[in-house]
Each structure stands twice: as structure tokens, then as C-alpha cells.
Amino acid sequence: MPYIAVAEDNSGPIELYYEDHGAGPAVVLVHGFASSARSWEEQVVALYRGGFRVIAYDRRGFGQSSKPAFGYDIDTLTTDLHALIATLELHDLTLVGVRMGGGEVARYFGRYDGKGVRRAAFVSSITPTLSASPDNPGGIDENSYARMRAEIDTDRFAFARGFIADVYNIGDTFDTNVSRDVLERDAAIAAAASPFALHATVAASGEDFRVDLARIDVPTLVIHGDRDRIAPVATTAGRMPGYLSDCTLTVLEGAPHGCVWTHAALVNAALLQFLR
């Protein structure tokens, strides 16, 4: 299994696990909060069959990557992404972020001027910002973030199961096209994360990425479900074209936050059309 070292901990390296499949133009997939590269299963297969080199990695603290007690701010996570791109010597790549991963895609442009990136895509992304402010009154207030951290500290396994239910709109009357098996898989992935990582990335999810988005100067695709109850489309994707100079917005009817699974065929078709 391939790993790259991105930093040092007390007694050894901090390593990112990644999977690298196929040949052709490179596509790097950045997963969401409380998840891992496994969330991209449907897209990895579709992009590989479409003739692309597909690279999906586990963020530090999640999946099969190292789980240090530190380094979960958005800047450090983006530095890890940059290390992956540099180590693999990727050029003219497409950077795709889902959910919280969209924040790392945006910050990559803010910190590294999008070095090596030819296109960018945001799926169910938390950008421009989820946090409430005078100019973003529909956002999430700090009390809500504090409750999330308290739930994680009290019983992160229960939190994981509840969060995954919200990802797929379980309990709504909408048809989410998700089986109990998928819910159990995703809850297990979330529960297996480092407790440090799960707690700290709540704050990373509340970052403001508007300045970063303004620095994106490549073609950009935004895909979002109109039934997303974690990152509502009006607060997120609906505002993205105002910050991007070359943006294609695709809104999926009836899709929840977890649309990469429930509406995989539509997400894959939009990505492939954008990439070609």
C-alpha cells in the first residue's frame, strides 16, 4: 500500500495513505469530514474507466493514514495535499473536493496559487463558508459547532452514526437511494477516525474560504444537491458563481449531502463531461 510522509510525530513520520489508479490526465480526489477515500468508490471506478489517472487519499487522522494528535487546521491539511501533489509530481491535474474537501481545494489556491491545477470541482462543498456572520446570516453559529464538539467528546460513535444519517437525509420523506449497509460502512469509517481529528476538523469545516475562491482562475465545476441539509445549497453552491470567474453550476434535484453515492451516475456524468 503506498504512503507518503508529510511531517514528523514524536517517534516517526506522519504518513498519508493513497491509491493511484490508471493513466492519462490526473484527478486528485479529496474526501469529506468524518470520511475517507473510500467515499469516492463510485467516482474512482467511473474516472478510471473514462481514461483518467485517479488518485484518492486519506486525510491525516482518517482512514489508513497516520493519526497524530495535531495538525487538523485547514492550512496544515492543505499543506498535506500540496505534499501529495509535489511528491507524485502531478501537473495539469484536476482537483476535486467533496464536502469538507472542497475547503482544502479552495485553500490550495489561496496558499499555493493552484500550482499544477488545470481544473477544479466542488461537490456538496462547504464553500464559500458555512459559518454565520453579518454577511452570511443563513450560516451555522458557533454554538452549533460547540455542540458538535461536545457530542464527539461525549460519544463519538453515536455522533458518527447521527452525522451519517444527516449526510443521507435519513428520516426525511425523500428517496435517498442508500442501503443500511452503506450507512453502516460510512458510520464505521467515521467512528474509526482519530478522536483528535474528528474533534478538531469541526473547526476546519467552519472556515471562511471566500478569499481563497477569489484566487481560482481555472474552469470550475460545482455540483450540489438541492436537499442537502448539512450544507444547504442556498448558503453554499448557490453563492459559488459569485466568487468564481469560470463556473459551471449543476444542482441535482432531490440529492442529499452524500450525493456522490446516492446520485453517483449524475455526479459521474457531470465530472466526465467537465473533464473532457
C-alpha atoms as a PDB file:
ATOM      1  CA  MET A   1       0.000   0.000   0.000  1.00  0.00           C
ATOM      2  CA  PRO A   2       1.505   3.389  -0.954  1.00  0.00           C
ATOM      3  CA  TYR A   3       2.146   6.084   1.634  1.00  0.00           C
ATOM      4  CA  ILE A   4       3.904   9.431   1.585  1.00  0.00           C
ATOM      5  CA  ALA A   5       5.429  11.157   4.611  1.00  0.00           C
ATOM      6  CA  VAL A   6       4.204  14.718   5.165  1.00  0.00           C
ATOM      7  CA  ALA A   7       5.576  15.558   8.642  1.00  0.00           C
ATOM      8  CA  GLU A   8       7.091  14.121  11.807  1.00  0.00           C
ATOM      9  CA  ASP A   9       5.480  12.994  15.057  1.00  0.00           C
ATOM     10  CA  ASN A  10       7.327  12.181  18.285  1.00  0.00           C
ATOM     11  CA  SER A  11       8.616   8.780  17.218  1.00  0.00           C
ATOM     12  CA  GLY A  12       8.081   8.554  13.496  1.00  0.00           C
ATOM     13  CA  PRO A  13       6.681  10.013  10.286  1.00  0.00           C
ATOM     14  CA  ILE A  14       3.133  11.202   9.676  1.00  0.00           C
ATOM     15  CA  GLU A  15       2.058   9.383   6.531  1.00  0.00           C
ATOM     16  CA  LEU A  16      -0.844   9.729   4.114  1.00  0.00           C
ATOM     17  CA  TYR A  17      -2.308   6.606   2.562  1.00  0.00           C
ATOM     18  CA  TYR A  18      -3.291   6.981  -1.085  1.00  0.00           C
ATOM     19  CA  GLU A  19      -4.460   4.924  -4.043  1.00  0.00           C
ATOM     20  CA  ASP A  20      -3.210   5.699  -7.545  1.00  0.00           C
ATOM     21  CA  HIS A  21      -5.022   4.031 -10.461  1.00  0.00           C
ATOM     22  CA  GLY A  22      -4.789   4.286 -14.230  1.00  0.00           C
ATOM     23  CA  ALA A  23      -3.034   6.548 -16.698  1.00  0.00           C
ATOM     24  CA  GLY A  24      -3.901   9.755 -18.515  1.00  0.00           C
ATOM     25  CA  PRO A  25      -4.757  13.184 -17.074  1.00  0.00           C
ATOM     26  CA  ALA A  26      -4.569  13.132 -13.273  1.00  0.00           C
ATOM     27  CA  VAL A  27      -7.581  13.669 -10.998  1.00  0.00           C
ATOM     28  CA  VAL A  28      -6.996  14.067  -7.253  1.00  0.00           C
ATOM     29  CA  LEU A  29      -9.998  13.382  -5.003  1.00  0.00           C
ATOM     30  CA  VAL A  30     -10.235  14.988  -1.541  1.00  0.00           C
ATOM     31  CA  HIS A  31     -12.764  13.384   0.813  1.00  0.00           C
ATOM     32  CA  GLY A  32     -15.142  14.977   3.283  1.00  0.00           C
ATOM     33  CA  PHE A  33     -15.483  15.366   7.042  1.00  0.00           C
ATOM     34  CA  ALA A  34     -15.605  12.121   9.063  1.00  0.00           C
ATOM     35  CA  SER A  35     -14.854  10.062   5.980  1.00  0.00           C
ATOM     36  CA  SER A  36     -12.021   8.564   3.921  1.00  0.00           C
ATOM     37  CA  ALA A  37     -11.019   7.901   0.318  1.00  0.00           C
ATOM     38  CA  ARG A  38     -13.488   5.015   0.298  1.00  0.00           C
ATOM     39  CA  SER A  39     -16.316   7.538  -0.074  1.00  0.00           C
ATOM     40  CA  TRP A  40     -15.113   8.096  -3.666  1.00  0.00           C
ATOM     41  CA  GLU A  41     -15.646   4.465  -4.719  1.00  0.00           C
ATOM     42  CA  GLU A  42     -18.186   5.205  -7.451  1.00  0.00           C
ATOM     43  CA  GLN A  43     -16.143   8.088  -8.866  1.00  0.00           C
ATOM     44  CA  VAL A  44     -12.818   6.200  -8.816  1.00  0.00           C
ATOM     45  CA  VAL A  45     -14.305   3.423 -10.946  1.00  0.00           C
ATOM     46  CA  ALA A  46     -16.021   5.799 -13.390  1.00  0.00           C
ATOM     47  CA  LEU A  47     -12.997   8.063 -13.849  1.00  0.00           C
ATOM     48  CA  TYR A  48     -10.615   5.120 -14.226  1.00  0.00           C
ATOM     49  CA  ARG A  49     -12.832   3.611 -16.913  1.00  0.00           C
ATOM     50  CA  GLY A  50     -13.052   7.037 -18.515  1.00  0.00           C
ATOM     51  CA  GLY A  51      -9.310   7.066 -19.151  1.00  0.00           C
ATOM     52  CA  PHE A  52      -8.059   9.157 -16.244  1.00  0.00           C
ATOM     53  CA  ARG A  53      -5.378   8.633 -13.629  1.00  0.00           C
ATOM     54  CA  VAL A  54      -7.309   8.698 -10.356  1.00  0.00           C
ATOM     55  CA  ILE A  55      -5.648   9.457  -7.019  1.00  0.00           C
ATOM     56  CA  ALA A  56      -7.686   9.271  -3.815  1.00  0.00           C
ATOM     57  CA  TYR A  57      -6.073   9.697  -0.412  1.00  0.00           C
ATOM     58  CA  ASP A  58      -6.990   9.588   3.264  1.00  0.00           C
ATOM     59  CA  ARG A  59      -6.642  12.873   5.115  1.00  0.00           C
ATOM     60  CA  ARG A  60      -4.402  12.645   8.204  1.00  0.00           C
ATOM     61  CA  GLY A  61      -6.394  11.286  11.124  1.00  0.00           C
ATOM     62  CA  PHE A  62      -8.776   9.333   8.890  1.00  0.00           C
ATOM     63  CA  GLY A  63      -8.848   6.039   7.033  1.00  0.00           C
ATOM     64  CA  GLN A  64      -5.466   4.342   6.766  1.00  0.00           C
ATOM     65  CA  SER A  65      -3.384   7.497   7.207  1.00  0.00           C
ATOM     66  CA  SER A  66      -1.420   8.314  10.362  1.00  0.00           C
ATOM     67  CA  LYS A  67      -3.421   9.624  13.300  1.00  0.00           C
ATOM     68  CA  PRO A  68      -1.346  12.206  15.174  1.00  0.00           C
ATOM     69  CA  ALA A  69      -2.777  14.403  17.906  1.00  0.00           C
ATOM     70  CA  PHE A  70      -2.210  17.617  15.948  1.00  0.00           C
ATOM     71  CA  GLY A  71      -2.313  19.207  12.504  1.00  0.00           C
ATOM     72  CA  TYR A  72      -6.040  19.363  11.813  1.00  0.00           C
ATOM     73  CA  ASP A  73      -6.364  23.028  10.919  1.00  0.00           C
ATOM     74  CA  ILE A  74      -7.237  23.720   7.284  1.00  0.00           C
ATOM     75  CA  ASP A  75      -3.828  25.199   6.463  1.00  0.00           C
ATOM     76  CA  THR A  76      -1.955  22.094   7.643  1.00  0.00           C
ATOM     77  CA  LEU A  77      -4.387  19.780   5.865  1.00  0.00           C
ATOM     78  CA  THR A  78      -3.849  21.783   2.677  1.00  0.00           C
ATOM     79  CA  THR A  79      -0.089  21.551   3.148  1.00  0.00           C
ATOM     80  CA  ASP A  80      -0.530  17.772   3.257  1.00  0.00           C
ATOM     81  CA  LEU A  81      -2.415  17.942  -0.041  1.00  0.00           C
ATOM     82  CA  HIS A  82       0.376  20.011  -1.555  1.00  0.00           C
ATOM     83  CA  ALA A  83       2.928  17.427  -0.373  1.00  0.00           C
ATOM     84  CA  LEU A  84       0.980  14.671  -2.124  1.00  0.00           C
ATOM     85  CA  ILE A  85       0.823  16.619  -5.387  1.00  0.00           C
ATOM     86  CA  ALA A  86       4.519  17.527  -5.210  1.00  0.00           C
ATOM     87  CA  THR A  87       5.689  14.023  -4.273  1.00  0.00           C
ATOM     88  CA  LEU A  88       3.775  12.439  -7.153  1.00  0.00           C
ATOM     89  CA  GLU A  89       4.991  15.246  -9.460  1.00  0.00           C
ATOM     90  CA  LEU A  90       1.486  15.912 -10.754  1.00  0.00           C
ATOM     91  CA  HIS A  91       0.879  18.549 -13.420  1.00  0.00           C
ATOM     92  CA  ASP A  92      -2.217  19.757 -15.272  1.00  0.00           C
ATOM     93  CA  LEU A  93      -4.368  17.899 -12.767  1.00  0.00           C
ATOM     94  CA  THR A  94      -7.977  18.297 -11.792  1.00  0.00           C
ATOM     95  CA  LEU A  95      -8.588  18.789  -8.081  1.00  0.00           C
ATOM     96  CA  VAL A  96     -11.969  17.573  -6.799  1.00  0.00           C
ATOM     97  CA  GLY A  97     -13.212  18.088  -3.248  1.00  0.00           C
ATOM     98  CA  VAL A  98     -16.371  16.734  -1.671  1.00  0.00           C
ATOM     99  CA  ARG A  99     -17.972  18.266   1.420  1.00  0.00           C
ATOM    100  CA  MET A 100     -15.140  19.499   3.689  1.00  0.00           C
ATOM    101  CA  GLY A 101     -12.678  18.519   0.958  1.00  0.00           C
ATOM    102  CA  GLY A 102     -13.944  21.489  -1.028  1.00  0.00           C
ATOM    103  CA  GLY A 103     -12.372  23.703   1.607  1.00  0.00           C
ATOM    104  CA  GLU A 104      -8.949  22.171   1.003  1.00  0.00           C
ATOM    105  CA  VAL A 105      -9.361  22.640  -2.748  1.00  0.00           C
ATOM    106  CA  ALA A 106     -10.165  26.334  -2.213  1.00  0.00           C
ATOM    107  CA  ARG A 107      -7.342  26.828   0.278  1.00  0.00           C
ATOM    108  CA  TYR A 108      -4.896  25.159  -2.149  1.00  0.00           C
ATOM    109  CA  PHE A 109      -5.472  28.113  -4.455  1.00  0.00           C
ATOM    110  CA  GLY A 110      -5.237  30.558  -1.571  1.00  0.00           C
ATOM    111  CA  ARG A 111      -1.922  29.177  -0.290  1.00  0.00           C
ATOM    112  CA  TYR A 112      -0.287  27.741  -3.421  1.00  0.00           C
ATOM    113  CA  ASP A 113      -1.919  29.681  -6.270  1.00  0.00           C
ATOM    114  CA  GLY A 114      -3.362  26.406  -7.553  1.00  0.00           C
ATOM    115  CA  LYS A 115       0.087  25.185  -8.623  1.00  0.00           C
ATOM    116  CA  GLY A 116      -0.260  22.347 -11.119  1.00  0.00           C
ATOM    117  CA  VAL A 117      -4.070  22.510 -11.184  1.00  0.00           C
ATOM    118  CA  ARG A 118      -5.815  22.841 -14.537  1.00  0.00           C
ATOM    119  CA  ARG A 119      -9.406  22.452 -13.336  1.00  0.00           C
ATOM    120  CA  ALA A 120     -11.229  22.322 -10.002  1.00  0.00           C
ATOM    121  CA  ALA A 121     -14.501  20.779  -8.893  1.00  0.00           C
ATOM    122  CA  PHE A 122     -16.561  21.162  -5.720  1.00  0.00           C
ATOM    123  CA  VAL A 123     -19.161  18.525  -4.806  1.00  0.00           C
ATOM    124  CA  SER A 124     -21.531  19.109  -1.857  1.00  0.00           C
ATOM    125  CA  SER A 125     -18.890  21.592  -0.744  1.00  0.00           C
ATOM    126  CA  ILE A 126     -18.861  23.674   2.439  1.00  0.00           C
ATOM    127  CA  THR A 127     -17.621  26.670   0.425  1.00  0.00           C
ATOM    128  CA  PRO A 128     -17.836  29.692   0.361  1.00  0.00           C
ATOM    129  CA  THR A 129     -18.443  29.423   4.146  1.00  0.00           C
ATOM    130  CA  LEU A 130     -20.832  27.624   6.455  1.00  0.00           C
ATOM    131  CA  SER A 131     -20.270  29.897   9.444  1.00  0.00           C
ATOM    132  CA  ALA A 132     -22.813  32.557  10.319  1.00  0.00           C
ATOM    133  CA  SER A 133     -21.748  36.197  10.089  1.00  0.00           C
ATOM    134  CA  PRO A 134     -23.427  39.547   9.398  1.00  0.00           C
ATOM    135  CA  ASP A 135     -22.954  38.959   5.655  1.00  0.00           C
ATOM    136  CA  ASN A 136     -23.845  35.245   5.886  1.00  0.00           C
ATOM    137  CA  PRO A 137     -26.909  35.182   8.146  1.00  0.00           C
ATOM    138  CA  GLY A 138     -28.026  31.746   6.963  1.00  0.00           C
ATOM    139  CA  GLY A 139     -24.854  30.057   8.221  1.00  0.00           C
ATOM    140  CA  ILE A 140     -24.140  27.893  11.262  1.00  0.00           C
ATOM    141  CA  ASP A 141     -23.473  29.707  14.540  1.00  0.00           C
ATOM    142  CA  GLU A 142     -20.605  28.922  16.917  1.00  0.00           C
ATOM    143  CA  ASN A 143     -22.978  27.302  19.429  1.00  0.00           C
ATOM    144  CA  SER A 144     -23.810  24.623  16.865  1.00  0.00           C
ATOM    145  CA  TYR A 145     -20.130  23.886  16.272  1.00  0.00           C
ATOM    146  CA  ALA A 146     -19.599  23.728  20.042  1.00  0.00           C
ATOM    147  CA  ARG A 147     -22.440  21.207  20.382  1.00  0.00           C
ATOM    148  CA  MET A 148     -20.865  19.045  17.693  1.00  0.00           C
ATOM    149  CA  ARG A 149     -17.531  19.019  19.518  1.00  0.00           C
ATOM    150  CA  ALA A 150     -19.269  18.212  22.810  1.00  0.00           C
ATOM    151  CA  GLU A 151     -21.120  15.293  21.199  1.00  0.00           C
ATOM    152  CA  ILE A 152     -17.857  13.978  19.755  1.00  0.00           C
ATOM    153  CA  ASP A 153     -16.141  14.205  23.144  1.00  0.00           C
ATOM    154  CA  THR A 154     -19.072  12.523  24.907  1.00  0.00           C
ATOM    155  CA  ASP A 155     -19.743   9.655  22.481  1.00  0.00           C
ATOM    156  CA  ARG A 156     -18.093   9.981  19.079  1.00  0.00           C
ATOM    157  CA  PHE A 157     -19.583   6.661  17.923  1.00  0.00           C
ATOM    158  CA  ALA A 158     -23.121   7.920  18.449  1.00  0.00           C
ATOM    159  CA  PHE A 159     -22.143  11.213  16.831  1.00  0.00           C
ATOM    160  CA  ALA A 160     -20.771   9.355  13.797  1.00  0.00           C
ATOM    161  CA  ARG A 161     -23.985   7.409  13.304  1.00  0.00           C
ATOM    162  CA  GLY A 162     -26.129  10.530  13.624  1.00  0.00           C
ATOM    163  CA  PHE A 163     -23.924  12.549  11.302  1.00  0.00           C
ATOM    164  CA  ILE A 164     -24.036   9.876   8.593  1.00  0.00           C
ATOM    165  CA  ALA A 165     -27.833   9.797   8.873  1.00  0.00           C
ATOM    166  CA  ASP A 166     -27.827  13.530   8.140  1.00  0.00           C
ATOM    167  CA  VAL A 167     -25.440  13.034   5.193  1.00  0.00           C
ATOM    168  CA  TYR A 168     -28.099  10.873   3.542  1.00  0.00           C
ATOM    169  CA  ASN A 169     -31.227  12.631   4.881  1.00  0.00           C
ATOM    170  CA  ILE A 170     -32.362   9.568   6.784  1.00  0.00           C
ATOM    171  CA  GLY A 171     -35.696  10.320   8.397  1.00  0.00           C
ATOM    172  CA  ASP A 172     -36.813  12.575   5.568  1.00  0.00           C
ATOM    173  CA  THR A 173     -39.542  11.568   3.155  1.00  0.00           C
ATOM    174  CA  PHE A 174     -37.082  11.843   0.254  1.00  0.00           C
ATOM    175  CA  ASP A 175     -35.791   8.748  -1.528  1.00  0.00           C
ATOM    176  CA  THR A 176     -32.081   8.821  -0.745  1.00  0.00           C
ATOM    177  CA  ASN A 177     -31.160   5.628  -2.639  1.00  0.00           C
ATOM    178  CA  VAL A 178     -28.958   4.372   0.187  1.00  0.00           C
ATOM    179  CA  SER A 179     -28.957   0.979   1.875  1.00  0.00           C
ATOM    180  CA  ARG A 180     -28.488   0.180   5.540  1.00  0.00           C
ATOM    181  CA  ASP A 181     -25.204  -1.468   4.547  1.00  0.00           C
ATOM    182  CA  VAL A 182     -23.841   1.819   3.195  1.00  0.00           C
ATOM    183  CA  LEU A 183     -24.927   3.636   6.347  1.00  0.00           C
ATOM    184  CA  GLU A 184     -23.113   1.078   8.482  1.00  0.00           C
ATOM    185  CA  ARG A 185     -19.999   1.282   6.314  1.00  0.00           C
ATOM    186  CA  ASP A 186     -19.830   5.069   6.497  1.00  0.00           C
ATOM    187  CA  ALA A 187     -20.573   5.150  10.227  1.00  0.00           C
ATOM    188  CA  ALA A 188     -17.756   2.651  10.788  1.00  0.00           C
ATOM    189  CA  ILE A 189     -15.346   4.813   8.742  1.00  0.00           C
ATOM    190  CA  ALA A 190     -16.302   7.880  10.766  1.00  0.00           C
ATOM    191  CA  ALA A 191     -16.005   6.034  14.077  1.00  0.00           C
ATOM    192  CA  ALA A 192     -12.564   4.694  13.139  1.00  0.00           C
ATOM    193  CA  ALA A 193     -11.173   8.228  12.770  1.00  0.00           C
ATOM    194  CA  SER A 194      -8.829   9.683  15.356  1.00  0.00           C
ATOM    195  CA  PRO A 195     -10.770  11.349  18.203  1.00  0.00           C
ATOM    196  CA  PHE A 196      -8.361  14.275  17.884  1.00  0.00           C
ATOM    197  CA  ALA A 197      -9.097  14.557  14.159  1.00  0.00           C
ATOM    198  CA  LEU A 198     -12.861  14.307  14.499  1.00  0.00           C
ATOM    199  CA  HIS A 199     -12.967  16.989  17.184  1.00  0.00           C
ATOM    200  CA  ALA A 200     -10.548  19.407  15.508  1.00  0.00           C
ATOM    201  CA  THR A 201     -11.876  19.237  11.958  1.00  0.00           C
ATOM    202  CA  VAL A 202     -15.200  20.624  13.129  1.00  0.00           C
ATOM    203  CA  ALA A 203     -13.435  23.996  13.325  1.00  0.00           C
ATOM    204  CA  ALA A 204     -11.804  23.439   9.926  1.00  0.00           C
ATOM    205  CA  SER A 205     -15.279  22.920   8.465  1.00  0.00           C
ATOM    206  CA  GLY A 206     -16.291  26.357   9.707  1.00  0.00           C
ATOM    207  CA  GLU A 207     -13.525  28.265   7.904  1.00  0.00           C
ATOM    208  CA  ASP A 208     -14.271  31.169   5.563  1.00  0.00           C
ATOM    209  CA  PHE A 209     -12.987  30.362   2.055  1.00  0.00           C
ATOM    210  CA  ARG A 210     -14.233  33.402   0.165  1.00  0.00           C
ATOM    211  CA  VAL A 211     -10.794  34.982  -0.257  1.00  0.00           C
ATOM    212  CA  ASP A 212      -9.403  31.626  -1.459  1.00  0.00           C
ATOM    213  CA  LEU A 213     -12.170  31.196  -4.028  1.00  0.00           C
ATOM    214  CA  ALA A 214     -11.455  34.623  -5.485  1.00  0.00           C
ATOM    215  CA  ARG A 215      -7.965  33.386  -6.419  1.00  0.00           C
ATOM    216  CA  ILE A 216      -9.220  30.499  -8.532  1.00  0.00           C
ATOM    217  CA  ASP A 217      -8.526  31.283 -12.181  1.00  0.00           C
ATOM    218  CA  VAL A 218      -9.253  27.911 -13.812  1.00  0.00           C
ATOM    219  CA  PRO A 219     -12.504  26.360 -15.070  1.00  0.00           C
ATOM    220  CA  THR A 220     -14.550  25.185 -12.102  1.00  0.00           C
ATOM    221  CA  LEU A 221     -17.451  22.767 -11.691  1.00  0.00           C
ATOM    222  CA  VAL A 222     -19.846  22.983  -8.737  1.00  0.00           C
ATOM    223  CA  ILE A 223     -22.203  20.055  -8.057  1.00  0.00           C
ATOM    224  CA  HIS A 224     -24.704  20.185  -5.209  1.00  0.00           C
ATOM    225  CA  GLY A 225     -27.945  18.559  -4.141  1.00  0.00           C
ATOM    226  CA  ASP A 226     -30.990  20.715  -3.539  1.00  0.00           C
ATOM    227  CA  ARG A 227     -31.897  18.568  -0.485  1.00  0.00           C
ATOM    228  CA  ASP A 228     -28.520  18.957   1.232  1.00  0.00           C
ATOM    229  CA  ARG A 229     -29.355  19.662   4.870  1.00  0.00           C
ATOM    230  CA  ILE A 230     -25.755  19.862   6.128  1.00  0.00           C
ATOM    231  CA  ALA A 231     -24.524  22.414   3.578  1.00  0.00           C
ATOM    232  CA  PRO A 232     -27.744  23.926   2.163  1.00  0.00           C
ATOM    233  CA  VAL A 233     -27.448  24.877  -1.477  1.00  0.00           C
ATOM    234  CA  ALA A 234     -28.590  28.466  -0.902  1.00  0.00           C
ATOM    235  CA  THR A 235     -25.733  29.037   1.551  1.00  0.00           C
ATOM    236  CA  THR A 236     -23.075  27.176  -0.419  1.00  0.00           C
ATOM    237  CA  ALA A 237     -23.234  26.232  -4.105  1.00  0.00           C
ATOM    238  CA  GLY A 238     -25.780  28.917  -4.914  1.00  0.00           C
ATOM    239  CA  ARG A 239     -23.216  31.552  -3.938  1.00  0.00           C
ATOM    240  CA  MET A 240     -20.206  29.982  -5.618  1.00  0.00           C
ATOM    241  CA  PRO A 241     -20.613  31.590  -9.086  1.00  0.00           C
ATOM    242  CA  GLY A 242     -20.237  34.995  -7.443  1.00  0.00           C
ATOM    243  CA  TYR A 243     -16.673  34.133  -6.416  1.00  0.00           C
ATOM    244  CA  LEU A 244     -15.505  32.170  -9.465  1.00  0.00           C
ATOM    245  CA  SER A 245     -14.645  33.624 -12.856  1.00  0.00           C
ATOM    246  CA  ASP A 246     -15.431  30.447 -14.862  1.00  0.00           C
ATOM    247  CA  CYS A 247     -18.034  28.364 -13.040  1.00  0.00           C
ATOM    248  CA  THR A 248     -20.458  25.667 -14.139  1.00  0.00           C
ATOM    249  CA  LEU A 249     -23.145  25.049 -11.512  1.00  0.00           C
ATOM    250  CA  THR A 250     -25.045  21.746 -11.532  1.00  0.00           C
ATOM    251  CA  VAL A 251     -27.846  21.322  -8.982  1.00  0.00           C
ATOM    252  CA  LEU A 252     -29.122  17.770  -8.505  1.00  0.00           C
ATOM    253  CA  GLU A 253     -32.816  17.507  -7.764  1.00  0.00           C
ATOM    254  CA  GLY A 254     -33.587  15.574  -4.590  1.00  0.00           C
ATOM    255  CA  ALA A 255     -29.931  14.901  -3.778  1.00  0.00           C
ATOM    256  CA  PRO A 256     -28.608  14.987  -0.185  1.00  0.00           C
ATOM    257  CA  HIS A 257     -25.142  15.882   1.119  1.00  0.00           C
ATOM    258  CA  GLY A 258     -23.994  12.374   0.215  1.00  0.00           C
ATOM    259  CA  CYS A 259     -24.821  12.695  -3.477  1.00  0.00           C
ATOM    260  CA  VAL A 260     -21.548  11.066  -4.598  1.00  0.00           C
ATOM    261  CA  TRP A 261     -23.222   7.803  -3.586  1.00  0.00           C
ATOM    262  CA  THR A 262     -26.986   8.389  -3.883  1.00  0.00           C
ATOM    263  CA  HIS A 263     -26.707  10.195  -7.239  1.00  0.00           C
ATOM    264  CA  ALA A 264     -23.410   8.723  -8.394  1.00  0.00           C
ATOM    265  CA  ALA A 265     -24.425   8.341 -12.041  1.00  0.00           C
ATOM    266  CA  LEU A 266     -25.337  12.028 -12.315  1.00  0.00           C
ATOM    267  CA  VAL A 267     -22.226  13.172 -10.435  1.00  0.00           C
ATOM    268  CA  ASN A 268     -20.009  10.969 -12.608  1.00  0.00           C
ATOM    269  CA  ALA A 269     -21.590  12.176 -15.841  1.00  0.00           C
ATOM    270  CA  ALA A 270     -21.092  15.818 -14.834  1.00  0.00           C
ATOM    271  CA  LEU A 271     -17.472  15.193 -13.840  1.00  0.00           C
ATOM    272  CA  LEU A 272     -16.639  13.318 -17.044  1.00  0.00           C
ATOM    273  CA  GLN A 273     -18.240  15.972 -19.232  1.00  0.00           C
ATOM    274  CA  PHE A 274     -16.305  18.666 -17.366  1.00  0.00           C
ATOM    275  CA  LEU A 275     -13.012  16.795 -17.618  1.00  0.00           C
ATOM    276  CA  ARG A 276     -13.368  16.159 -21.358  1.00  0.00           C
END
